[in-house]
């Protein structure tokens, strides 16, 4: 899940600091590439969304239902995400719509 992302970024950064001189084509830190190219799917009941937001990853979060797995919230997954009380309306809009539009290069 997305909760591993901050730890992975930290691990990649440590390796970059020690070994980047051996990779001359790697001009930026791993966090630059991650934030530019990676998105994290989050389900409506994923408890770590606030932690990911606090880690600066709100712009990478995209809505996921996990359907058709037996433990998926379905039907009602969009409603479940929209009714979370630990997310602002702006963050909900970002996760439910805006980030996916950016991921797929679509316009509003």
N, C-alpha and C. Protein backbone atom coordinates (compact mmCIF):
# COMPACT_ATOMS: atom_id res chain seq x y z
N UNK A 1 0.81 -1.20 0.00
CA UNK A 1 0.00 0.00 0.00
C UNK A 1 0.84 1.25 0.00
N UNK A 2 0.18 2.36 -0.11
CA UNK A 2 0.84 3.65 -0.17
C UNK A 2 1.60 4.02 1.08
N UNK A 3 1.27 3.38 2.21
CA UNK A 3 1.95 3.69 3.45
C UNK A 3 3.43 3.38 3.43
N UNK A 4 3.86 2.56 2.51
CA UNK A 4 5.29 2.23 2.39
C UNK A 4 6.08 3.33 1.68
N UNK A 5 5.40 4.20 0.99
CA UNK A 5 6.07 5.20 0.15
C UNK A 5 7.07 6.06 0.91
N UNK A 6 6.73 6.66 2.06
CA UNK A 6 7.73 7.48 2.75
C UNK A 6 8.98 6.69 3.13
N UNK A 7 8.80 5.44 3.52
CA UNK A 7 9.96 4.61 3.90
C UNK A 7 10.79 4.26 2.67
N UNK A 8 10.12 3.96 1.56
CA UNK A 8 10.84 3.67 0.32
C UNK A 8 11.62 4.89 -0.14
N UNK A 9 10.99 6.06 -0.05
CA UNK A 9 11.69 7.28 -0.45
C UNK A 9 12.93 7.49 0.41
N UNK A 10 12.80 7.27 1.71
CA UNK A 10 13.94 7.42 2.61
C UNK A 10 15.06 6.45 2.23
N UNK A 11 14.70 5.21 1.97
CA UNK A 11 15.67 4.18 1.59
C UNK A 11 16.37 4.56 0.28
N UNK A 12 15.60 4.98 -0.71
CA UNK A 12 16.18 5.37 -1.99
C UNK A 12 17.10 6.58 -1.83
N UNK A 13 16.71 7.52 -0.97
CA UNK A 13 17.54 8.70 -0.74
C UNK A 13 18.88 8.30 -0.11
N UNK A 14 18.85 7.37 0.84
CA UNK A 14 20.10 6.90 1.46
C UNK A 14 21.02 6.29 0.42
N UNK A 15 20.47 5.46 -0.46
CA UNK A 15 21.28 4.84 -1.51
C UNK A 15 21.79 5.89 -2.49
N UNK A 16 20.97 6.86 -2.80
CA UNK A 16 21.39 7.92 -3.70
C UNK A 16 22.60 8.65 -3.12
N UNK A 17 22.52 9.02 -1.85
CA UNK A 17 23.62 9.75 -1.21
C UNK A 17 24.93 8.96 -1.26
N UNK A 18 24.85 7.66 -1.12
CA UNK A 18 26.06 6.83 -1.10
C UNK A 18 26.57 6.47 -2.50
N UNK A 19 25.66 6.30 -3.45
CA UNK A 19 26.04 5.68 -4.72
C UNK A 19 25.78 6.50 -5.97
N UNK A 20 25.23 7.70 -5.87
CA UNK A 20 24.85 8.42 -7.09
C UNK A 20 26.03 8.73 -8.01
N UNK A 21 27.20 8.81 -7.48
CA UNK A 21 28.36 9.11 -8.33
C UNK A 21 28.64 8.00 -9.35
N UNK A 22 28.11 6.80 -9.10
CA UNK A 22 28.29 5.68 -10.03
C UNK A 22 27.22 5.66 -11.12
N UNK A 23 26.28 6.57 -11.04
CA UNK A 23 25.18 6.64 -12.02
C UNK A 23 25.12 8.05 -12.59
N UNK A 24 25.99 8.36 -13.54
CA UNK A 24 26.09 9.73 -14.04
C UNK A 24 24.80 10.25 -14.69
N UNK A 25 23.92 9.39 -15.16
CA UNK A 25 22.67 9.85 -15.77
C UNK A 25 21.59 10.19 -14.77
N UNK A 26 21.83 9.89 -13.52
CA UNK A 26 20.85 10.16 -12.47
C UNK A 26 21.13 11.56 -11.92
N UNK A 27 20.47 12.54 -12.52
CA UNK A 27 20.77 13.94 -12.20
C UNK A 27 20.05 14.47 -10.97
N UNK A 28 18.95 13.84 -10.61
CA UNK A 28 18.14 14.33 -9.50
C UNK A 28 18.04 13.28 -8.41
N UNK A 29 17.63 13.71 -7.23
CA UNK A 29 17.39 12.78 -6.13
C UNK A 29 16.18 11.92 -6.45
N UNK A 30 16.10 10.72 -5.89
CA UNK A 30 14.96 9.84 -6.16
C UNK A 30 13.61 10.47 -5.87
N UNK A 31 13.54 11.33 -4.86
CA UNK A 31 12.26 11.96 -4.53
C UNK A 31 11.74 12.81 -5.69
N UNK A 32 12.64 13.41 -6.46
CA UNK A 32 12.23 14.20 -7.63
C UNK A 32 11.50 13.31 -8.63
N UNK A 33 12.09 12.17 -8.94
CA UNK A 33 11.48 11.26 -9.92
C UNK A 33 10.18 10.66 -9.37
N UNK A 34 10.18 10.32 -8.09
CA UNK A 34 8.98 9.75 -7.49
C UNK A 34 7.82 10.74 -7.58
N UNK A 35 8.06 11.96 -7.15
CA UNK A 35 6.99 12.95 -7.12
C UNK A 35 6.54 13.34 -8.52
N UNK A 36 7.39 13.20 -9.49
CA UNK A 36 7.03 13.55 -10.87
C UNK A 36 6.33 12.40 -11.59
N UNK A 37 6.66 11.15 -11.24
CA UNK A 37 6.23 10.02 -12.05
C UNK A 37 5.40 8.97 -11.34
N UNK A 38 5.24 9.05 -10.04
CA UNK A 38 4.55 7.98 -9.30
C UNK A 38 3.23 8.46 -8.71
N UNK A 39 2.31 7.55 -8.67
CA UNK A 39 1.01 7.77 -8.03
C UNK A 39 0.74 6.59 -7.11
N UNK A 40 0.00 6.84 -6.04
CA UNK A 40 -0.32 5.81 -5.05
C UNK A 40 -1.82 5.62 -4.98
N UNK A 41 -2.27 4.40 -5.23
CA UNK A 41 -3.68 4.10 -5.12
C UNK A 41 -4.07 3.94 -3.66
N UNK A 42 -5.16 4.59 -3.27
CA UNK A 42 -5.66 4.48 -1.89
C UNK A 42 -7.14 4.12 -1.92
N UNK A 43 -7.51 3.23 -1.05
CA UNK A 43 -8.89 2.77 -0.94
C UNK A 43 -9.62 3.59 0.13
N UNK A 44 -10.95 3.59 0.10
CA UNK A 44 -11.72 4.43 1.03
C UNK A 44 -11.45 4.17 2.51
N UNK A 45 -11.11 2.94 2.86
CA UNK A 45 -10.88 2.63 4.27
C UNK A 45 -9.40 2.62 4.66
N UNK A 46 -8.56 3.17 3.81
CA UNK A 46 -7.13 3.17 4.07
C UNK A 46 -6.82 4.21 5.15
N UNK A 47 -6.40 3.77 6.30
CA UNK A 47 -6.22 4.64 7.46
C UNK A 47 -5.01 5.56 7.38
N UNK A 48 -4.07 5.26 6.51
CA UNK A 48 -2.84 6.05 6.46
C UNK A 48 -2.89 7.25 5.52
N UNK A 49 -4.04 7.55 4.96
CA UNK A 49 -4.12 8.70 4.05
C UNK A 49 -3.64 9.98 4.74
N UNK A 50 -4.08 10.30 5.97
CA UNK A 50 -3.56 11.52 6.61
C UNK A 50 -2.04 11.52 6.78
N UNK A 51 -1.46 10.36 7.06
CA UNK A 51 0.00 10.26 7.19
C UNK A 51 0.68 10.56 5.84
N UNK A 52 0.11 10.03 4.76
CA UNK A 52 0.69 10.29 3.44
C UNK A 52 0.58 11.77 3.09
N UNK A 53 -0.53 12.38 3.46
CA UNK A 53 -0.70 13.82 3.22
C UNK A 53 0.34 14.60 4.03
N UNK A 54 0.51 14.24 5.29
CA UNK A 54 1.52 14.89 6.14
C UNK A 54 2.93 14.69 5.60
N UNK A 55 3.15 13.61 4.86
CA UNK A 55 4.46 13.33 4.26
C UNK A 55 4.66 14.05 2.94
N UNK A 56 3.69 14.88 2.55
CA UNK A 56 3.81 15.66 1.32
C UNK A 56 3.41 14.90 0.06
N UNK A 57 2.63 13.85 0.20
CA UNK A 57 2.30 13.01 -0.95
C UNK A 57 0.85 13.15 -1.43
N UNK A 58 0.14 14.17 -0.99
CA UNK A 58 -1.27 14.33 -1.37
C UNK A 58 -1.44 14.37 -2.89
N UNK A 59 -0.49 14.98 -3.58
CA UNK A 59 -0.61 15.12 -5.05
C UNK A 59 -0.37 13.79 -5.79
N UNK A 60 0.00 12.74 -5.05
CA UNK A 60 0.24 11.44 -5.69
C UNK A 60 -0.88 10.44 -5.44
N UNK A 61 -1.85 10.78 -4.61
CA UNK A 61 -2.89 9.83 -4.20
C UNK A 61 -4.02 9.77 -5.21
N UNK A 62 -4.34 8.57 -5.66
CA UNK A 62 -5.47 8.37 -6.57
C UNK A 62 -6.41 7.32 -5.97
N UNK A 63 -7.68 7.53 -6.18
CA UNK A 63 -8.73 6.68 -5.63
C UNK A 63 -8.70 5.29 -6.25
N UNK A 64 -8.90 4.29 -5.41
CA UNK A 64 -8.96 2.90 -5.85
C UNK A 64 -10.06 2.20 -5.06
N UNK A 65 -10.73 1.25 -5.69
CA UNK A 65 -11.81 0.53 -5.00
C UNK A 65 -11.38 -0.83 -4.49
N UNK A 66 -10.39 -1.44 -5.10
CA UNK A 66 -9.95 -2.81 -4.81
C UNK A 66 -10.99 -3.85 -5.23
N UNK A 67 -11.96 -3.43 -6.02
CA UNK A 67 -12.95 -4.36 -6.57
C UNK A 67 -12.27 -5.27 -7.58
N UNK A 68 -12.51 -6.53 -7.64
CA UNK A 68 -13.58 -7.32 -7.05
C UNK A 68 -13.15 -8.14 -5.83
N UNK A 69 -12.11 -7.74 -5.14
CA UNK A 69 -11.69 -8.51 -3.96
C UNK A 69 -12.79 -8.54 -2.91
N UNK A 70 -12.84 -9.63 -2.17
CA UNK A 70 -13.93 -9.85 -1.21
C UNK A 70 -14.02 -8.79 -0.13
N UNK A 71 -12.90 -8.14 0.20
CA UNK A 71 -12.93 -7.15 1.27
C UNK A 71 -13.07 -5.72 0.77
N UNK A 72 -13.35 -5.56 -0.52
CA UNK A 72 -13.53 -4.22 -1.09
C UNK A 72 -14.84 -3.61 -0.60
N UNK A 73 -14.83 -2.30 -0.45
CA UNK A 73 -16.07 -1.59 -0.15
C UNK A 73 -16.77 -1.36 -1.48
N UNK A 74 -17.76 -2.19 -1.76
CA UNK A 74 -18.47 -2.10 -3.03
C UNK A 74 -19.83 -2.76 -2.90
N UNK A 75 -20.88 -2.14 -3.33
CA UNK A 75 -20.93 -0.77 -3.87
C UNK A 75 -20.76 0.26 -2.75
N UNK A 76 -20.63 1.49 -3.14
CA UNK A 76 -20.52 2.58 -2.18
C UNK A 76 -19.12 3.06 -1.90
N UNK A 77 -18.15 2.65 -2.71
CA UNK A 77 -16.76 3.03 -2.42
C UNK A 77 -16.53 4.53 -2.57
N UNK A 78 -17.12 5.15 -3.58
CA UNK A 78 -16.94 6.60 -3.76
C UNK A 78 -17.57 7.33 -2.57
N UNK A 79 -18.75 6.91 -2.19
CA UNK A 79 -19.43 7.53 -1.06
C UNK A 79 -18.63 7.37 0.23
N UNK A 80 -18.00 6.20 0.39
CA UNK A 80 -17.18 5.96 1.58
C UNK A 80 -15.99 6.91 1.63
N UNK A 81 -15.34 7.13 0.49
CA UNK A 81 -14.21 8.06 0.45
C UNK A 81 -14.71 9.49 0.69
N UNK A 82 -15.81 9.85 0.06
CA UNK A 82 -16.34 11.21 0.18
C UNK A 82 -16.83 11.53 1.59
N UNK A 83 -17.17 10.52 2.36
CA UNK A 83 -17.70 10.76 3.70
C UNK A 83 -16.64 10.71 4.80
N UNK A 84 -15.39 10.52 4.44
CA UNK A 84 -14.33 10.49 5.46
C UNK A 84 -14.27 11.83 6.17
N UNK A 85 -14.14 11.80 7.48
CA UNK A 85 -14.07 13.05 8.23
C UNK A 85 -12.64 13.48 8.55
N UNK A 86 -11.66 12.69 8.12
CA UNK A 86 -10.26 13.05 8.35
C UNK A 86 -9.61 13.63 7.09
N UNK A 87 -10.43 13.98 6.11
CA UNK A 87 -9.94 14.57 4.86
C UNK A 87 -10.75 15.83 4.57
N UNK A 88 -10.06 16.88 4.13
CA UNK A 88 -10.76 18.10 3.73
C UNK A 88 -11.48 17.86 2.40
N UNK A 89 -12.43 18.73 2.10
CA UNK A 89 -13.12 18.62 0.81
C UNK A 89 -12.13 18.78 -0.35
N UNK A 90 -11.16 19.67 -0.18
CA UNK A 90 -10.15 19.86 -1.22
C UNK A 90 -9.34 18.58 -1.44
N UNK A 91 -8.94 17.92 -0.37
CA UNK A 91 -8.18 16.68 -0.49
C UNK A 91 -9.03 15.58 -1.13
N UNK A 92 -10.29 15.49 -0.76
CA UNK A 92 -11.18 14.49 -1.37
C UNK A 92 -11.29 14.72 -2.88
N UNK A 93 -11.44 15.97 -3.28
CA UNK A 93 -11.52 16.30 -4.71
C UNK A 93 -10.21 15.93 -5.42
N UNK A 94 -9.11 16.18 -4.74
CA UNK A 94 -7.80 15.85 -5.31
C UNK A 94 -7.66 14.34 -5.51
N UNK A 95 -8.04 13.56 -4.50
CA UNK A 95 -7.90 12.10 -4.55
C UNK A 95 -8.92 11.47 -5.49
N UNK A 96 -10.14 11.95 -5.45
CA UNK A 96 -11.21 11.36 -6.25
C UNK A 96 -11.19 11.80 -7.72
N UNK A 97 -10.59 12.97 -8.01
CA UNK A 97 -10.67 13.47 -9.38
C UNK A 97 -9.36 14.05 -9.91
N UNK A 98 -8.87 15.08 -9.27
CA UNK A 98 -7.80 15.89 -9.86
C UNK A 98 -6.52 15.10 -10.13
N UNK A 99 -6.09 14.28 -9.19
CA UNK A 99 -4.85 13.52 -9.40
C UNK A 99 -4.99 12.51 -10.54
N UNK A 100 -6.16 11.89 -10.66
CA UNK A 100 -6.38 10.94 -11.76
C UNK A 100 -6.37 11.66 -13.10
N UNK A 101 -6.95 12.84 -13.15
CA UNK A 101 -6.91 13.62 -14.40
C UNK A 101 -5.47 13.91 -14.79
N UNK A 102 -4.65 14.28 -13.81
CA UNK A 102 -3.24 14.55 -14.09
C UNK A 102 -2.51 13.28 -14.50
N UNK A 103 -2.78 12.17 -13.82
CA UNK A 103 -2.15 10.89 -14.14
C UNK A 103 -2.40 10.49 -15.59
N UNK A 104 -3.62 10.66 -16.04
CA UNK A 104 -3.98 10.24 -17.40
C UNK A 104 -3.88 11.35 -18.43
N UNK A 105 -3.40 12.53 -18.02
CA UNK A 105 -3.24 13.63 -18.95
C UNK A 105 -4.56 14.15 -19.49
N UNK A 106 -5.60 14.04 -18.70
CA UNK A 106 -6.93 14.49 -19.12
C UNK A 106 -7.18 15.89 -18.59
N UNK A 107 -8.14 16.55 -19.17
CA UNK A 107 -8.52 17.88 -18.69
C UNK A 107 -9.87 17.78 -18.00
N UNK A 108 -10.21 18.80 -17.28
CA UNK A 108 -11.48 18.81 -16.53
C UNK A 108 -12.64 18.98 -17.42
